[in-house]
Amino acid sequence: MCAVVVGSNILVQVPLNDWLTWGGLSYPVAFLVTDVLNRRFGPVAARRVVWFGFAAALLVSMWVASPRIALASGLAYLCAQLIDIQVFDRLRDQRWWRAPLLSGMLGAIFDTAIFFSVAFAATGTPWVTWMLGDLAIKLVVNISMLAPFRALMWNLARPGGVPQAR
């Protein structure tokens, strides 16, 4: 988790074009990691990993990114991941794709809005277009993460439980 967040904090500082940074392509993997942990070990364990990932990534990000990027990333990551865990847990007993899709989409919306408004507002950068482009890519990547999530379903039951593959 720490590698995904720190790598994304580095990549978000490198625009791909006028509406997207490289971080928009890497960060959505964090939602896959959280959803796999949530499915396998439950929301308490997933929250523990999120809090540890938050602390570790924030410390490392202070060295590889600007303090503003590190702060924005930490705040956005924490809010989005905790929302993802809550929504995923409420939807976990529905069709296999519903929980990761909807929790990831909602998490991506919160993450993107919080991150870009804190990191880039009043900096003279085209942050609103970066935010919209980043969100669009995160939503597309979130949909593409359904395939690896489904591939892992055979081993994602909670310990002592039975995998659910509806």
C-alpha atoms as a PDB file:
ATOM      1  CA  MET A   1       0.000   0.000   0.000  1.00  0.00           C
ATOM      2  CA  CYS A   2       2.802   2.378   0.927  1.00  0.00           C
ATOM      3  CA  ALA A   3       4.537   1.766  -2.435  1.00  0.00           C
ATOM      4  CA  VAL A   4       1.348   2.551  -4.364  1.00  0.00           C
ATOM      5  CA  VAL A   5       0.727   5.794  -2.467  1.00  0.00           C
ATOM      6  CA  VAL A   6       4.327   7.026  -2.518  1.00  0.00           C
ATOM      7  CA  GLY A   7       4.735   6.111  -6.180  1.00  0.00           C
ATOM      8  CA  SER A   8       1.518   7.923  -7.009  1.00  0.00           C
ATOM      9  CA  ASN A   9       2.681  10.999  -5.060  1.00  0.00           C
ATOM     10  CA  ILE A  10       5.769  11.126  -7.239  1.00  0.00           C
ATOM     11  CA  LEU A  11       3.834  10.465 -10.437  1.00  0.00           C
ATOM     12  CA  VAL A  12       1.112  13.054  -9.726  1.00  0.00           C
ATOM     13  CA  GLN A  13       3.757  15.743 -10.068  1.00  0.00           C
ATOM     14  CA  VAL A  14       4.398  14.686 -13.678  1.00  0.00           C
ATOM     15  CA  PRO A  15       1.634  15.798 -16.055  1.00  0.00           C
ATOM     16  CA  LEU A  16       0.932  13.425 -18.915  1.00  0.00           C
ATOM     17  CA  ASN A  17      -0.929  16.191 -20.761  1.00  0.00           C
ATOM     18  CA  ASP A  18      -3.187  19.139 -19.895  1.00  0.00           C
ATOM     19  CA  TRP A  19      -5.817  16.964 -18.228  1.00  0.00           C
ATOM     20  CA  LEU A  20      -3.977  14.040 -16.626  1.00  0.00           C
ATOM     21  CA  THR A  21      -1.025  13.237 -14.402  1.00  0.00           C
ATOM     22  CA  TRP A  22       0.721   9.858 -14.271  1.00  0.00           C
ATOM     23  CA  GLY A  23      -0.525   9.396 -10.695  1.00  0.00           C
ATOM     24  CA  GLY A  24      -4.058   8.946 -11.985  1.00  0.00           C
ATOM     25  CA  LEU A  25      -2.971   5.682 -13.578  1.00  0.00           C
ATOM     26  CA  SER A  26      -1.223   4.213 -10.547  1.00  0.00           C
ATOM     27  CA  TYR A  27      -3.280   5.284  -7.539  1.00  0.00           C
ATOM     28  CA  PRO A  28      -6.472   3.274  -8.216  1.00  0.00           C
ATOM     29  CA  VAL A  29      -4.527   0.106  -7.412  1.00  0.00           C
ATOM     30  CA  ALA A  30      -4.784   1.211  -3.755  1.00  0.00           C
ATOM     31  CA  PHE A  31      -8.536   0.593  -3.890  1.00  0.00           C
ATOM     32  CA  LEU A  32      -7.955  -2.928  -5.214  1.00  0.00           C
ATOM     33  CA  VAL A  33      -5.579  -3.634  -2.324  1.00  0.00           C
ATOM     34  CA  THR A  34      -8.073  -2.289   0.221  1.00  0.00           C
ATOM     35  CA  ASP A  35     -10.982  -4.231  -1.277  1.00  0.00           C
ATOM     36  CA  VAL A  36      -9.024  -7.488  -1.350  1.00  0.00           C
ATOM     37  CA  LEU A  37      -8.037  -6.984   2.301  1.00  0.00           C
ATOM     38  CA  ASN A  38     -11.614  -6.089   3.219  1.00  0.00           C
ATOM     39  CA  ARG A  39     -13.042  -9.139   1.444  1.00  0.00           C
ATOM     40  CA  ARG A  40     -10.476 -11.509   2.965  1.00  0.00           C
ATOM     41  CA  PHE A  41      -9.976 -10.161   6.488  1.00  0.00           C
ATOM     42  CA  GLY A  42     -12.888  -7.774   7.049  1.00  0.00           C
ATOM     43  CA  PRO A  43     -13.186  -4.033   7.615  1.00  0.00           C
ATOM     44  CA  VAL A  44     -11.240  -3.895  10.900  1.00  0.00           C
ATOM     45  CA  ALA A  45      -8.099  -5.354   9.337  1.00  0.00           C
ATOM     46  CA  ALA A  46      -8.531  -3.211   6.204  1.00  0.00           C
ATOM     47  CA  ARG A  47      -8.773  -0.079   8.360  1.00  0.00           C
ATOM     48  CA  ARG A  48      -5.607  -1.110  10.214  1.00  0.00           C
ATOM     49  CA  VAL A  49      -3.719  -1.389   6.925  1.00  0.00           C
ATOM     50  CA  VAL A  50      -5.115   1.968   5.783  1.00  0.00           C
ATOM     51  CA  TRP A  51      -3.956   3.687   8.977  1.00  0.00           C
ATOM     52  CA  PHE A  52      -0.515   2.074   8.741  1.00  0.00           C
ATOM     53  CA  GLY A  53      -0.306   2.914   5.040  1.00  0.00           C
ATOM     54  CA  PHE A  54      -1.351   6.492   5.809  1.00  0.00           C
ATOM     55  CA  ALA A  55       1.383   6.966   8.405  1.00  0.00           C
ATOM     56  CA  ALA A  56       4.118   5.264   6.390  1.00  0.00           C
ATOM     57  CA  ALA A  57       3.210   6.930   3.098  1.00  0.00           C
ATOM     58  CA  LEU A  58       2.945  10.363   4.716  1.00  0.00           C
ATOM     59  CA  LEU A  59       6.421  10.050   6.222  1.00  0.00           C
ATOM     60  CA  VAL A  60       7.996   8.823   3.000  1.00  0.00           C
ATOM     61  CA  SER A  61       6.045  11.291   0.864  1.00  0.00           C
ATOM     62  CA  MET A  62       7.511  14.200   2.805  1.00  0.00           C
ATOM     63  CA  TRP A  63      10.887  13.242   1.283  1.00  0.00           C
ATOM     64  CA  VAL A  64       9.781  12.538  -2.292  1.00  0.00           C
ATOM     65  CA  ALA A  65       7.063  15.142  -2.770  1.00  0.00           C
ATOM     66  CA  SER A  66       6.358  18.675  -1.644  1.00  0.00           C
ATOM     67  CA  PRO A  67       4.795  19.084   1.809  1.00  0.00           C
ATOM     68  CA  ARG A  68       1.581  20.299   0.170  1.00  0.00           C
ATOM     69  CA  ILE A  69       1.382  17.194  -2.052  1.00  0.00           C
ATOM     70  CA  ALA A  70       2.161  14.940   0.926  1.00  0.00           C
ATOM     71  CA  LEU A  71      -0.531  16.587   3.070  1.00  0.00           C
ATOM     72  CA  ALA A  72      -3.105  16.530   0.270  1.00  0.00           C
ATOM     73  CA  SER A  73      -2.291  12.922  -0.488  1.00  0.00           C
ATOM     74  CA  GLY A  74      -2.525  11.833   3.134  1.00  0.00           C
ATOM     75  CA  LEU A  75      -5.842  13.578   3.726  1.00  0.00           C
ATOM     76  CA  ALA A  76      -7.371  12.353   0.462  1.00  0.00           C
ATOM     77  CA  TYR A  77      -6.041   8.814   0.927  1.00  0.00           C
ATOM     78  CA  LEU A  78      -7.360   8.489   4.461  1.00  0.00           C
ATOM     79  CA  CYS A  79     -10.831   9.858   3.688  1.00  0.00           C
ATOM     80  CA  ALA A  80     -11.234   7.916   0.440  1.00  0.00           C
ATOM     81  CA  GLN A  81      -9.972   4.602   1.804  1.00  0.00           C
ATOM     82  CA  LEU A  82     -12.149   4.761   4.924  1.00  0.00           C
ATOM     83  CA  ILE A  83     -15.171   5.542   2.732  1.00  0.00           C
ATOM     84  CA  ASP A  84     -14.202   2.665   0.425  1.00  0.00           C
ATOM     85  CA  ILE A  85     -14.014   0.249   3.366  1.00  0.00           C
ATOM     86  CA  GLN A  86     -17.373   1.355   4.789  1.00  0.00           C
ATOM     87  CA  VAL A  87     -19.230   1.140   1.476  1.00  0.00           C
ATOM     88  CA  PHE A  88     -17.553  -2.143   0.510  1.00  0.00           C
ATOM     89  CA  ASP A  89     -18.492  -3.729   3.845  1.00  0.00           C
ATOM     90  CA  ARG A  90     -22.138  -2.683   3.493  1.00  0.00           C
ATOM     91  CA  LEU A  91     -22.312  -4.146  -0.029  1.00  0.00           C
ATOM     92  CA  ARG A  92     -20.116  -7.231   0.513  1.00  0.00           C
ATOM     93  CA  ASP A  93     -23.028  -9.720   0.476  1.00  0.00           C
ATOM     94  CA  GLN A  94     -24.441  -8.547  -2.835  1.00  0.00           C
ATOM     95  CA  ARG A  95     -23.214  -9.538  -6.288  1.00  0.00           C
ATOM     96  CA  TRP A  96     -19.421  -9.995  -6.342  1.00  0.00           C
ATOM     97  CA  TRP A  97     -18.770  -6.893  -8.483  1.00  0.00           C
ATOM     98  CA  ARG A  98     -21.054  -4.413  -6.729  1.00  0.00           C
ATOM     99  CA  ALA A  99     -18.957  -3.788  -3.605  1.00  0.00           C
ATOM    100  CA  PRO A 100     -15.601  -3.166  -5.329  1.00  0.00           C
ATOM    101  CA  LEU A 101     -17.162  -1.156  -8.156  1.00  0.00           C
ATOM    102  CA  LEU A 102     -19.304   1.198  -6.084  1.00  0.00           C
ATOM    103  CA  SER A 103     -16.896   1.591  -3.175  1.00  0.00           C
ATOM    104  CA  GLY A 104     -14.022   2.235  -5.586  1.00  0.00           C
ATOM    105  CA  MET A 105     -16.018   4.800  -7.552  1.00  0.00           C
ATOM    106  CA  LEU A 106     -17.105   6.675  -4.443  1.00  0.00           C
ATOM    107  CA  GLY A 107     -13.591   6.493  -3.009  1.00  0.00           C
ATOM    108  CA  ALA A 108     -12.121   7.807  -6.266  1.00  0.00           C
ATOM    109  CA  ILE A 109     -14.520  10.757  -6.310  1.00  0.00           C
ATOM    110  CA  PHE A 110     -13.654  11.771  -2.737  1.00  0.00           C
ATOM    111  CA  ASP A 111      -9.938  11.122  -3.210  1.00  0.00           C
ATOM    112  CA  THR A 112      -9.732  13.180  -6.375  1.00  0.00           C
ATOM    113  CA  ALA A 113     -11.761  16.132  -5.089  1.00  0.00           C
ATOM    114  CA  ILE A 114      -9.864  16.344  -1.801  1.00  0.00           C
ATOM    115  CA  PHE A 115      -6.405  15.767  -3.273  1.00  0.00           C
ATOM    116  CA  PHE A 116      -6.560  18.211  -6.162  1.00  0.00           C
ATOM    117  CA  SER A 117      -8.278  20.981  -4.217  1.00  0.00           C
ATOM    118  CA  VAL A 118      -5.719  20.805  -1.391  1.00  0.00           C
ATOM    119  CA  ALA A 119      -2.631  20.107  -3.533  1.00  0.00           C
ATOM    120  CA  PHE A 120      -3.107  22.466  -6.444  1.00  0.00           C
ATOM    121  CA  ALA A 121      -5.759  25.127  -5.741  1.00  0.00           C
ATOM    122  CA  ALA A 122      -4.343  28.662  -6.127  1.00  0.00           C
ATOM    123  CA  THR A 123      -1.083  27.387  -7.652  1.00  0.00           C
ATOM    124  CA  GLY A 124      -1.650  28.595 -11.192  1.00  0.00           C
ATOM    125  CA  THR A 125      -1.735  25.034 -12.530  1.00  0.00           C
ATOM    126  CA  PRO A 126      -4.665  23.698 -14.570  1.00  0.00           C
ATOM    127  CA  TRP A 127      -5.731  21.678 -11.533  1.00  0.00           C
ATOM    128  CA  VAL A 128      -9.445  21.553 -12.349  1.00  0.00           C
ATOM    129  CA  THR A 129      -8.776  19.942 -15.729  1.00  0.00           C
ATOM    130  CA  TRP A 130      -6.186  17.636 -14.095  1.00  0.00           C
ATOM    131  CA  MET A 131      -8.804  16.742 -11.476  1.00  0.00           C
ATOM    132  CA  LEU A 132     -11.475  15.909 -14.068  1.00  0.00           C
ATOM    133  CA  GLY A 133      -9.038  13.943 -16.224  1.00  0.00           C
ATOM    134  CA  ASP A 134      -7.656  12.154 -13.183  1.00  0.00           C
ATOM    135  CA  LEU A 135     -11.144  11.233 -12.011  1.00  0.00           C
ATOM    136  CA  ALA A 136     -12.108   9.907 -15.436  1.00  0.00           C
ATOM    137  CA  ILE A 137      -9.021   7.712 -15.554  1.00  0.00           C
ATOM    138  CA  LYS A 138      -9.525   6.532 -11.950  1.00  0.00           C
ATOM    139  CA  LEU A 139     -13.079   5.477 -12.791  1.00  0.00           C
ATOM    140  CA  VAL A 140     -11.908   3.586 -15.883  1.00  0.00           C
ATOM    141  CA  VAL A 141      -9.074   1.927 -13.952  1.00  0.00           C
ATOM    142  CA  ASN A 142     -11.530   1.113 -11.147  1.00  0.00           C
ATOM    143  CA  ILE A 143     -13.679  -0.779 -13.650  1.00  0.00           C
ATOM    144  CA  SER A 144     -10.602  -2.573 -15.005  1.00  0.00           C
ATOM    145  CA  MET A 145      -9.667  -3.620 -11.439  1.00  0.00           C
ATOM    146  CA  LEU A 146     -12.813  -5.763 -11.357  1.00  0.00           C
ATOM    147  CA  ALA A 147     -11.023  -8.414 -13.455  1.00  0.00           C
ATOM    148  CA  PRO A 148      -8.135  -8.952 -11.001  1.00  0.00           C
ATOM    149  CA  PHE A 149     -10.569  -8.734  -8.077  1.00  0.00           C
ATOM    150  CA  ARG A 150     -12.724 -11.462  -9.617  1.00  0.00           C
ATOM    151  CA  ALA A 151      -9.644 -13.564 -10.364  1.00  0.00           C
ATOM    152  CA  LEU A 152      -8.745 -13.405  -6.669  1.00  0.00           C
ATOM    153  CA  MET A 153     -12.277 -14.272  -5.480  1.00  0.00           C
ATOM    154  CA  TRP A 154     -11.466 -17.980  -5.067  1.00  0.00           C
ATOM    155  CA  ASN A 155      -9.256 -17.103  -2.107  1.00  0.00           C
ATOM    156  CA  LEU A 156     -11.005 -14.084  -0.624  1.00  0.00           C
ATOM    157  CA  ALA A 157     -13.332 -15.563   1.961  1.00  0.00           C
ATOM    158  CA  ARG A 158     -12.834 -14.409   5.513  1.00  0.00           C
ATOM    159  CA  PRO A 159     -10.807 -16.929   7.530  1.00  0.00           C
ATOM    160  CA  GLY A 160     -13.111 -19.810   8.406  1.00  0.00           C
ATOM    161  CA  GLY A 161     -15.673 -18.609   5.859  1.00  0.00           C
ATOM    162  CA  VAL A 162     -16.702 -19.678   2.412  1.00  0.00           C
ATOM    163  CA  PRO A 163     -15.808 -17.570  -0.634  1.00  0.00           C
ATOM    164  CA  GLN A 164     -18.773 -15.721  -2.050  1.00  0.00           C
ATOM    165  CA  ALA A 165     -18.874 -15.588  -5.835  1.00  0.00           C
ATOM    166  CA  ARG A 166     -22.407 -14.564  -6.682  1.00  0.00           C
END
